[in-house]
PDB file of all heavy atoms in Angstrom:
ATOM      1  N   LEU A   1      -0.289  -6.346 -23.167  1.00  0.00           N
ATOM      2  CA  LEU A   1       0.436  -7.112 -24.183  1.00  0.00           C
ATOM      3  C   LEU A   1      -0.481  -8.086 -24.918  1.00  0.00           C
ATOM      4  O   LEU A   1      -0.086  -8.667 -25.928  1.00  0.00           O
ATOM      5  CB  LEU A   1       1.604  -7.871 -23.540  1.00  0.00           C
ATOM      6  CG  LEU A   1       2.746  -7.004 -23.016  1.00  0.00           C
ATOM      7  CD1 LEU A   1       3.729  -7.851 -22.223  1.00  0.00           C
ATOM      8  CD2 LEU A   1       3.442  -6.290 -24.170  1.00  0.00           C
ATOM      9  N   GLY A   2      -1.689  -8.291 -24.390  1.00  0.00           N
ATOM     10  CA  GLY A   2      -2.634  -9.204 -25.014  1.00  0.00           C
ATOM     11  C   GLY A   2      -2.297 -10.660 -24.767  1.00  0.00           C
ATOM     12  O   GLY A   2      -2.839 -11.549 -25.422  1.00  0.00           O
ATOM     13  N   GLU A   3      -1.425 -10.913 -23.813  1.00  0.00           N
ATOM     14  CA  GLU A   3      -0.970 -12.276 -23.539  1.00  0.00           C
ATOM     15  C   GLU A   3      -1.645 -12.897 -22.319  1.00  0.00           C
ATOM     16  O   GLU A   3      -1.409 -14.058 -22.019  1.00  0.00           O
ATOM     17  CB  GLU A   3       0.548 -12.275 -23.330  1.00  0.00           C
ATOM     18  CG  GLU A   3       1.334 -11.771 -24.521  1.00  0.00           C
ATOM     19  CD  GLU A   3       1.322 -12.742 -25.688  1.00  0.00           C
ATOM     20  OE1 GLU A   3       1.062 -13.935 -25.471  1.00  0.00           O
ATOM     21  OE2 GLU A   3       1.557 -12.291 -26.814  1.00  0.00           O
ATOM     22  N   ALA A   4      -2.444 -12.112 -21.622  1.00  0.00           N
ATOM     23  CA  ALA A   4      -3.104 -12.616 -20.417  1.00  0.00           C
ATOM     24  C   ALA A   4      -4.383 -11.820 -20.203  1.00  0.00           C
ATOM     25  O   ALA A   4      -4.563 -10.752 -20.775  1.00  0.00           O
ATOM     26  CB  ALA A   4      -2.179 -12.459 -19.211  1.00  0.00           C
ATOM     27  N   LYS A   5      -5.237 -12.364 -19.385  1.00  0.00           N
ATOM     28  CA  LYS A   5      -6.472 -11.667 -19.024  1.00  0.00           C
ATOM     29  C   LYS A   5      -6.473 -11.426 -17.525  1.00  0.00           C
ATOM     30  O   LYS A   5      -6.063 -12.275 -16.746  1.00  0.00           O
ATOM     31  CB  LYS A   5      -7.694 -12.501 -19.411  1.00  0.00           C
ATOM     32  CG  LYS A   5      -7.862 -12.624 -20.901  1.00  0.00           C
ATOM     33  CD  LYS A   5      -9.146 -13.333 -21.251  1.00  0.00           C
ATOM     34  CE  LYS A   5      -9.256 -13.399 -22.756  1.00  0.00           C
ATOM     35  NZ  LYS A   5     -10.481 -14.021 -23.175  1.00  0.00           N
ATOM     36  N   ARG A   6      -6.957 -10.262 -17.160  1.00  0.00           N
ATOM     37  CA  ARG A   6      -7.080  -9.923 -15.747  1.00  0.00           C
ATOM     38  C   ARG A   6      -8.292 -10.665 -15.194  1.00  0.00           C
ATOM     39  O   ARG A   6      -9.415 -10.490 -15.662  1.00  0.00           O
ATOM     40  CB  ARG A   6      -7.253  -8.419 -15.588  1.00  0.00           C
ATOM     41  CG  ARG A   6      -7.298  -7.941 -14.165  1.00  0.00           C
ATOM     42  CD  ARG A   6      -7.666  -6.467 -14.058  1.00  0.00           C
ATOM     43  NE  ARG A   6      -6.981  -5.617 -15.008  1.00  0.00           N
ATOM     44  CZ  ARG A   6      -5.838  -4.977 -14.764  1.00  0.00           C
ATOM     45  NH1 ARG A   6      -5.259  -5.105 -13.603  1.00  0.00           N
ATOM     46  NH2 ARG A   6      -5.298  -4.205 -15.683  1.00  0.00           N
ATOM     47  N   ALA A   7      -8.050 -11.485 -14.193  1.00  0.00           N
ATOM     48  CA  ALA A   7      -9.154 -12.220 -13.572  1.00  0.00           C
ATOM     49  C   ALA A   7      -9.895 -11.348 -12.578  1.00  0.00           C
ATOM     50  O   ALA A   7     -11.122 -11.364 -12.517  1.00  0.00           O
ATOM     51  CB  ALA A   7      -8.622 -13.476 -12.878  1.00  0.00           C
ATOM     52  N   VAL A   8      -9.153 -10.580 -11.806  1.00  0.00           N
ATOM     53  CA  VAL A   8      -9.732  -9.751 -10.759  1.00  0.00           C
ATOM     54  C   VAL A   8      -8.869  -8.508 -10.587  1.00  0.00           C
ATOM     55  O   VAL A   8      -7.642  -8.592 -10.639  1.00  0.00           O
ATOM     56  CB  VAL A   8      -9.766 -10.503  -9.408  1.00  0.00           C
ATOM     57  CG1 VAL A   8     -10.352  -9.642  -8.307  1.00  0.00           C
ATOM     58  CG2 VAL A   8     -10.526 -11.805  -9.511  1.00  0.00           C
ATOM     59  N   THR A   9      -9.498  -7.372 -10.391  1.00  0.00           N
ATOM     60  CA  THR A   9      -8.776  -6.165 -10.014  1.00  0.00           C
ATOM     61  C   THR A   9      -8.895  -6.012  -8.509  1.00  0.00           C
ATOM     62  O   THR A   9      -9.994  -6.084  -7.963  1.00  0.00           O
ATOM     63  CB  THR A   9      -9.375  -4.923 -10.724  1.00  0.00           C
ATOM     64  OG1 THR A   9      -9.222  -5.091 -12.132  1.00  0.00           O
ATOM     65  CG2 THR A   9      -8.672  -3.644 -10.293  1.00  0.00           C
ATOM     66  N   ASN A  10      -7.770  -5.845  -7.852  1.00  0.00           N
ATOM     67  CA  ASN A  10      -7.699  -5.697  -6.399  1.00  0.00           C
ATOM     68  C   ASN A  10      -8.364  -6.880  -5.688  1.00  0.00           C
ATOM     69  O   ASN A  10      -9.285  -6.725  -4.885  1.00  0.00           O
ATOM     70  CB  ASN A  10      -8.294  -4.367  -5.939  1.00  0.00           C
ATOM     71  CG  ASN A  10      -7.797  -3.976  -4.558  1.00  0.00           C
ATOM     72  OD1 ASN A  10      -7.115  -4.740  -3.879  1.00  0.00           O
ATOM     73  ND2 ASN A  10      -8.155  -2.784  -4.121  1.00  0.00           N
ATOM     74  N   ALA A  11      -7.838  -8.052  -5.990  1.00  0.00           N
ATOM     75  CA  ALA A  11      -8.383  -9.289  -5.411  1.00  0.00           C
ATOM     76  C   ALA A  11      -8.360  -9.285  -3.889  1.00  0.00           C
ATOM     77  O   ALA A  11      -9.241  -9.861  -3.247  1.00  0.00           O
ATOM     78  CB  ALA A  11      -7.596 -10.485  -5.942  1.00  0.00           C
ATOM     79  N   CYS A  12      -7.373  -8.633  -3.312  1.00  0.00           N
ATOM     80  CA  CYS A  12      -7.264  -8.623  -1.847  1.00  0.00           C
ATOM     81  C   CYS A  12      -8.446  -7.923  -1.186  1.00  0.00           C
ATOM     82  O   CYS A  12      -8.799  -8.242  -0.056  1.00  0.00           O
ATOM     83  CB  CYS A  12      -5.951  -7.987  -1.424  1.00  0.00           C
ATOM     84  SG  CYS A  12      -4.514  -8.950  -1.925  1.00  0.00           S
ATOM     85  N   ALA A  13      -9.071  -6.998  -1.896  1.00  0.00           N
ATOM     86  CA  ALA A  13     -10.233  -6.312  -1.333  1.00  0.00           C
ATOM     87  C   ALA A  13     -11.379  -7.281  -1.097  1.00  0.00           C
ATOM     88  O   ALA A  13     -12.196  -7.073  -0.202  1.00  0.00           O
ATOM     89  CB  ALA A  13     -10.680  -5.172  -2.249  1.00  0.00           C
ATOM     90  N   SER A  14     -11.433  -8.343  -1.885  1.00  0.00           N
ATOM     91  CA  SER A  14     -12.547  -9.289  -1.732  1.00  0.00           C
ATOM     92  C   SER A  14     -12.297 -10.333  -0.650  1.00  0.00           C
ATOM     93  O   SER A  14     -13.254 -10.944  -0.171  1.00  0.00           O
ATOM     94  CB  SER A  14     -12.841  -9.986  -3.065  1.00  0.00           C
ATOM     95  OG  SER A  14     -11.740 -10.778  -3.456  1.00  0.00           O
ATOM     96  N   VAL A  15     -11.038 -10.541  -0.237  1.00  0.00           N
ATOM     97  CA  VAL A  15     -10.781 -11.589   0.743  1.00  0.00           C
ATOM     98  C   VAL A  15     -10.042 -11.128   2.000  1.00  0.00           C
ATOM     99  O   VAL A  15      -9.939 -11.888   2.952  1.00  0.00           O
ATOM    100  CB  VAL A  15     -10.010 -12.783   0.127  1.00  0.00           C
ATOM    101  CG1 VAL A  15     -10.814 -13.463  -0.945  1.00  0.00           C
ATOM    102  CG2 VAL A  15      -8.668 -12.360  -0.394  1.00  0.00           C
ATOM    103  N   ILE A  16      -9.529  -9.898   1.991  1.00  0.00           N
ATOM    104  CA  ILE A  16      -8.820  -9.409   3.181  1.00  0.00           C
ATOM    105  C   ILE A  16      -9.554  -8.219   3.776  1.00  0.00           C
ATOM    106  O   ILE A  16     -10.025  -8.282   4.909  1.00  0.00           O
ATOM    107  CB  ILE A  16      -7.353  -9.049   2.860  1.00  0.00           C
ATOM    108  CG1 ILE A  16      -6.596 -10.321   2.446  1.00  0.00           C
ATOM    109  CG2 ILE A  16      -6.677  -8.403   4.078  1.00  0.00           C
ATOM    110  CD1 ILE A  16      -5.182 -10.082   1.981  1.00  0.00           C
ATOM    111  N   ALA A  17      -9.663  -7.147   3.026  1.00  0.00           N
ATOM    112  CA  ALA A  17     -10.344  -5.951   3.532  1.00  0.00           C
ATOM    113  C   ALA A  17     -10.687  -5.050   2.358  1.00  0.00           C
ATOM    114  O   ALA A  17      -9.960  -4.976   1.384  1.00  0.00           O
ATOM    115  CB  ALA A  17      -9.448  -5.198   4.506  1.00  0.00           C
ATOM    116  N   ASP A  18     -11.803  -4.378   2.470  1.00  0.00           N
ATOM    117  CA  ASP A  18     -12.205  -3.407   1.465  1.00  0.00           C
ATOM    118  C   ASP A  18     -12.571  -2.121   2.200  1.00  0.00           C
ATOM    119  O   ASP A  18     -13.514  -2.123   2.984  1.00  0.00           O
ATOM    120  CB  ASP A  18     -13.390  -3.927   0.667  1.00  0.00           C
ATOM    121  CG  ASP A  18     -13.705  -3.066  -0.543  1.00  0.00           C
ATOM    122  OD1 ASP A  18     -12.953  -2.101  -0.794  1.00  0.00           O
ATOM    123  OD2 ASP A  18     -14.692  -3.360  -1.233  1.00  0.00           O
ATOM    124  N   PRO A  19     -11.819  -1.082   2.025  1.00  0.00           N
ATOM    125  CA  PRO A  19     -10.784  -0.895   1.015  1.00  0.00           C
ATOM    126  C   PRO A  19      -9.515  -1.679   1.352  1.00  0.00           C
ATOM    127  O   PRO A  19      -9.252  -1.982   2.515  1.00  0.00           O
ATOM    128  CB  PRO A  19     -10.498   0.604   1.047  1.00  0.00           C
ATOM    129  CG  PRO A  19     -10.819   1.008   2.449  1.00  0.00           C
ATOM    130  CD  PRO A  19     -11.970   0.119   2.866  1.00  0.00           C
ATOM    131  N   PHE A  20      -8.743  -1.997   0.322  1.00  0.00           N
ATOM    132  CA  PHE A  20      -7.443  -2.641   0.490  1.00  0.00           C
ATOM    133  C   PHE A  20      -6.394  -1.747  -0.141  1.00  0.00           C
ATOM    134  O   PHE A  20      -6.517  -1.375  -1.296  1.00  0.00           O
ATOM    135  CB  PHE A  20      -7.405  -4.017  -0.174  1.00  0.00           C
ATOM    136  CG  PHE A  20      -6.075  -4.690   0.000  1.00  0.00           C
ATOM    137  CD1 PHE A  20      -5.793  -5.370   1.167  1.00  0.00           C
ATOM    138  CD2 PHE A  20      -5.104  -4.614  -0.986  1.00  0.00           C
ATOM    139  CE1 PHE A  20      -4.552  -5.974   1.355  1.00  0.00           C
ATOM    140  CE2 PHE A  20      -3.868  -5.214  -0.809  1.00  0.00           C
ATOM    141  CZ  PHE A  20      -3.595  -5.902   0.356  1.00  0.00           C
ATOM    142  N   TYR A  21      -5.392  -1.406   0.638  1.00  0.00           N
ATOM    143  CA  TYR A  21      -4.306  -0.562   0.159  1.00  0.00           C
ATOM    144  C   TYR A  21      -3.071  -1.432  -0.040  1.00  0.00           C
ATOM    145  O   TYR A  21      -2.590  -2.037   0.908  1.00  0.00           O
ATOM    146  CB  TYR A  21      -4.008   0.557   1.162  1.00  0.00           C
ATOM    147  CG  TYR A  21      -5.244   1.367   1.499  1.00  0.00           C
ATOM    148  CD1 TYR A  21      -5.933   1.162   2.679  1.00  0.00           C
ATOM    149  CD2 TYR A  21      -5.732   2.296   0.599  1.00  0.00           C
ATOM    150  CE1 TYR A  21      -7.077   1.896   2.971  1.00  0.00           C
ATOM    151  CE2 TYR A  21      -6.869   3.035   0.888  1.00  0.00           C
ATOM    152  CZ  TYR A  21      -7.533   2.821   2.071  1.00  0.00           C
ATOM    153  OH  TYR A  21      -8.664   3.539   2.353  1.00  0.00           O
ATOM    154  N   SER A  22      -2.584  -1.487  -1.262  1.00  0.00           N
ATOM    155  CA  SER A  22      -1.449  -2.359  -1.541  1.00  0.00           C
ATOM    156  C   SER A  22      -0.113  -1.658  -1.341  1.00  0.00           C
ATOM    157  O   SER A  22       0.925  -2.209  -1.658  1.00  0.00           O
ATOM    158  CB  SER A  22      -1.541  -2.906  -2.964  1.00  0.00           C
ATOM    159  OG  SER A  22      -1.592  -1.846  -3.894  1.00  0.00           O
ATOM    160  N   GLY A  23      -0.140  -0.478  -0.810  1.00  0.00           N
ATOM    161  CA  GLY A  23       1.094   0.240  -0.547  1.00  0.00           C
ATOM    162  C   GLY A  23       0.981   1.039   0.726  1.00  0.00           C
ATOM    163  O   GLY A  23      -0.110   1.248   1.255  1.00  0.00           O
ATOM    164  N   VAL A  24       2.126   1.470   1.204  1.00  0.00           N
ATOM    165  CA  VAL A  24       2.153   2.238   2.432  1.00  0.00           C
ATOM    166  C   VAL A  24       3.407   3.104   2.420  1.00  0.00           C
ATOM    167  O   VAL A  24       4.408   2.742   1.815  1.00  0.00           O
ATOM    168  CB  VAL A  24       2.131   1.306   3.669  1.00  0.00           C
ATOM    169  CG1 VAL A  24       3.374   0.444   3.739  1.00  0.00           C
ATOM    170  CG2 VAL A  24       1.956   2.079   4.955  1.00  0.00           C
ATOM    171  N   SER A  25       3.332   4.241   3.045  1.00  0.00           N
ATOM    172  CA  SER A  25       4.520   5.087   3.223  1.00  0.00           C
ATOM    173  C   SER A  25       5.030   4.850   4.639  1.00  0.00           C
ATOM    174  O   SER A  25       4.250   4.787   5.583  1.00  0.00           O
ATOM    175  CB  SER A  25       4.144   6.559   3.062  1.00  0.00           C
ATOM    176  OG  SER A  25       3.650   6.791   1.770  1.00  0.00           O
ATOM    177  N   VAL A  26       6.338   4.707   4.767  1.00  0.00           N
ATOM    178  CA  VAL A  26       6.924   4.371   6.058  1.00  0.00           C
ATOM    179  C   VAL A  26       7.980   5.396   6.443  1.00  0.00           C
ATOM    180  O   VAL A  26       8.837   5.749   5.633  1.00  0.00           O
ATOM    181  CB  VAL A  26       7.567   2.964   6.019  1.00  0.00           C
ATOM    182  CG1 VAL A  26       8.223   2.625   7.348  1.00  0.00           C
ATOM    183  CG2 VAL A  26       6.536   1.905   5.651  1.00  0.00           C
ATOM    184  N   LEU A  27       7.894   5.875   7.656  1.00  0.00           N
ATOM    185  CA  LEU A  27       8.908   6.740   8.255  1.00  0.00           C
ATOM    186  C   LEU A  27       9.374   6.037   9.524  1.00  0.00           C
ATOM    187  O   LEU A  27       8.553   5.522  10.279  1.00  0.00           O
ATOM    188  CB  LEU A  27       8.326   8.107   8.621  1.00  0.00           C
ATOM    189  CG  LEU A  27       7.697   8.929   7.505  1.00  0.00           C
ATOM    190  CD1 LEU A  27       7.000  10.154   8.078  1.00  0.00           C
ATOM    191  CD2 LEU A  27       8.740   9.335   6.488  1.00  0.00           C
ATOM    192  N   THR A  28      10.668   6.030   9.774  1.00  0.00           N
ATOM    193  CA  THR A  28      11.155   5.396  10.998  1.00  0.00           C
ATOM    194  C   THR A  28      10.802   6.245  12.210  1.00  0.00           C
ATOM    195  O   THR A  28      10.671   7.473  12.117  1.00  0.00           O
ATOM    196  CB  THR A  28      12.688   5.178  10.972  1.00  0.00           C
ATOM    197  OG1 THR A  28      13.336   6.450  10.984  1.00  0.00           O
ATOM    198  CG2 THR A  28      13.112   4.352   9.765  1.00  0.00           C
ATOM    199  N   THR A  29      10.651   5.580  13.338  1.00  0.00           N
ATOM    200  CA  THR A  29      10.384   6.288  14.593  1.00  0.00           C
ATOM    201  C   THR A  29      11.513   7.262  14.888  1.00  0.00           C
ATOM    202  O   THR A  29      11.277   8.390  15.331  1.00  0.00           O
ATOM    203  CB  THR A  29      10.229   5.274  15.743  1.00  0.00           C
ATOM    204  OG1 THR A  29       9.175   4.366  15.400  1.00  0.00           O
ATOM    205  CG2 THR A  29       9.896   5.954  17.056  1.00  0.00           C
ATOM    206  N   LYS A  30      12.752   6.840  14.623  1.00  0.00           N
ATOM    207  CA  LYS A  30      13.907   7.703  14.845  1.00  0.00           C
ATOM    208  C   LYS A  30      13.791   8.985  14.023  1.00  0.00           C
ATOM    209  O   LYS A  30      14.012  10.081  14.531  1.00  0.00           O
ATOM    210  CB  LYS A  30      15.190   6.954  14.490  1.00  0.00           C
ATOM    211  CG  LYS A  30      16.436   7.771  14.673  1.00  0.00           C
ATOM    212  CD  LYS A  30      17.672   6.983  14.278  1.00  0.00           C
ATOM    213  CE  LYS A  30      18.905   7.885  14.415  1.00  0.00           C
ATOM    214  NZ  LYS A  30      20.097   7.256  13.892  1.00  0.00           N
ATOM    215  N   PHE A  31      13.436   8.845  12.751  1.00  0.00           N
ATOM    216  CA  PHE A  31      13.304  10.005  11.878  1.00  0.00           C
ATOM    217  C   PHE A  31      12.206  10.940  12.369  1.00  0.00           C
ATOM    218  O   PHE A  31      12.396  12.153  12.450  1.00  0.00           O
ATOM    219  CB  PHE A  31      13.018   9.544  10.446  1.00  0.00           C
ATOM    220  CG  PHE A  31      12.899  10.665   9.452  1.00  0.00           C
ATOM    221  CD1 PHE A  31      14.017  11.356   9.016  1.00  0.00           C
ATOM    222  CD2 PHE A  31      11.661  11.031   8.955  1.00  0.00           C
ATOM    223  CE1 PHE A  31      13.912  12.394   8.102  1.00  0.00           C
ATOM    224  CE2 PHE A  31      11.537  12.067   8.037  1.00  0.00           C
ATOM    225  CZ  PHE A  31      12.667  12.749   7.610  1.00  0.00           C
ATOM    226  N   VAL A  32      11.053  10.386  12.702  1.00  0.00           N
ATOM    227  CA  VAL A  32       9.925  11.193  13.179  1.00  0.00           C
ATOM    228  C   VAL A  32      10.296  11.917  14.468  1.00  0.00           C
ATOM    229  O   VAL A  32       9.955  13.082  14.647  1.00  0.00           O
ATOM    230  CB  VAL A  32       8.667  10.307  13.379  1.00  0.00           C
ATOM    231  CG1 VAL A  32       7.575  11.048  14.126  1.00  0.00           C
ATOM    232  CG2 VAL A  32       8.161   9.794  12.046  1.00  0.00           C
ATOM    233  N   THR A  33      11.026  11.247  15.346  1.00  0.00           N
ATOM    234  CA  THR A  33      11.420  11.836  16.626  1.00  0.00           C
ATOM    235  C   THR A  33      12.483  12.914  16.453  1.00  0.00           C
ATOM    236  O   THR A  33      12.393  13.991  17.050  1.00  0.00           O
ATOM    237  CB  THR A  33      11.949  10.737  17.575  1.00  0.00           C
ATOM    238  OG1 THR A  33      10.926   9.758  17.742  1.00  0.00           O
ATOM    239  CG2 THR A  33      12.339  11.310  18.928  1.00  0.00           C
ATOM    240  N   GLU A  34      13.485  12.623  15.622  1.00  0.00           N
ATOM    241  CA  GLU A  34      14.609  13.547  15.476  1.00  0.00           C
ATOM    242  C   GLU A  34      14.342  14.687  14.502  1.00  0.00           C
ATOM    243  O   GLU A  34      14.950  15.749  14.615  1.00  0.00           O
ATOM    244  CB  GLU A  34      15.865  12.782  15.042  1.00  0.00           C
ATOM    245  CG  GLU A  34      16.385  11.839  16.110  1.00  0.00           C
ATOM    246  CD  GLU A  34      17.606  11.043  15.665  1.00  0.00           C
ATOM    247  OE1 GLU A  34      18.068  11.217  14.515  1.00  0.00           O
ATOM    248  OE2 GLU A  34      18.089  10.242  16.493  1.00  0.00           O
ATOM    249  N   ARG A  35      13.457  14.477  13.544  1.00  0.00           N
ATOM    250  CA  ARG A  35      13.218  15.491  12.511  1.00  0.00           C
ATOM    251  C   ARG A  35      11.724  15.650  12.236  1.00  0.00           C
ATOM    252  O   ARG A  35      11.256  15.482  11.115  1.00  0.00           O
ATOM    253  CB  ARG A  35      13.964  15.100  11.248  1.00  0.00           C
ATOM    254  CG  ARG A  35      15.473  14.944  11.523  1.00  0.00           C
ATOM    255  CD  ARG A  35      16.272  14.645  10.314  1.00  0.00           C
ATOM    256  NE  ARG A  35      16.294  15.809   9.448  1.00  0.00           N
ATOM    257  CZ  ARG A  35      16.599  15.750   8.162  1.00  0.00           C
ATOM    258  NH1 ARG A  35      16.915  14.623   7.597  1.00  0.00           N
ATOM    259  NH2 ARG A  35      16.596  16.847   7.426  1.00  0.00           N
ATOM    260  N   PRO A  36      10.939  15.990  13.245  1.00  0.00           N
ATOM    261  CA  PRO A  36       9.489  16.054  13.067  1.00  0.00           C
ATOM    262  C   PRO A  36       9.039  17.064  12.009  1.00  0.00           C
ATOM    263  O   PRO A  36       8.057  16.813  11.307  1.00  0.00           O
ATOM    264  CB  PRO A  36       8.963  16.413  14.452  1.00  0.00           C
ATOM    265  CG  PRO A  36      10.117  17.026  15.171  1.00  0.00           C
ATOM    266  CD  PRO A  36      11.344  16.364  14.604  1.00  0.00           C
ATOM    267  N   ALA A  37       9.730  18.167  11.870  1.00  0.00           N
ATOM    268  CA  ALA A  37       9.319  19.166  10.869  1.00  0.00           C
ATOM    269  C   ALA A  37       9.497  18.611   9.451  1.00  0.00           C
ATOM    270  O   ALA A  37       8.638  18.818   8.588  1.00  0.00           O
ATOM    271  CB  ALA A  37      10.119  20.457  11.041  1.00  0.00           C
ATOM    272  N   VAL A  38      10.587  17.916   9.210  1.00  0.00           N
ATOM    273  CA  VAL A  38      10.817  17.314   7.895  1.00  0.00           C
ATOM    274  C   VAL A  38       9.815  16.180   7.672  1.00  0.00           C
ATOM    275  O   VAL A  38       9.244  16.045   6.576  1.00  0.00           O
ATOM    276  CB  VAL A  38      12.271  16.815   7.754  1.00  0.00           C
ATOM    277  CG1 VAL A  38      12.476  16.122   6.413  1.00  0.00           C
ATOM    278  CG2 VAL A  38      13.251  17.967   7.918  1.00  0.00           C
ATOM    279  N   ALA A  39       9.578  15.373   8.693  1.00  0.00           N
ATOM    280  CA  ALA A  39       8.598  14.289   8.587  1.00  0.00           C
ATOM    281  C   ALA A  39       7.222  14.857   8.230  1.00  0.00           C
ATOM    282  O   ALA A  39       6.516  14.311   7.372  1.00  0.00           O
ATOM    283  CB  ALA A  39       8.540  13.501   9.893  1.00  0.00           C
TER     284      ALA A  39
END
């Protein structure tokens, strides 16, 4: 939009961990146990 400037891309990689993954896929233990083929 031209209204701001990016100071840092993936700032967490510089202070938490590199690589840093800002997302995750989650399956419940119940689902994995009851429907392993679908999981």
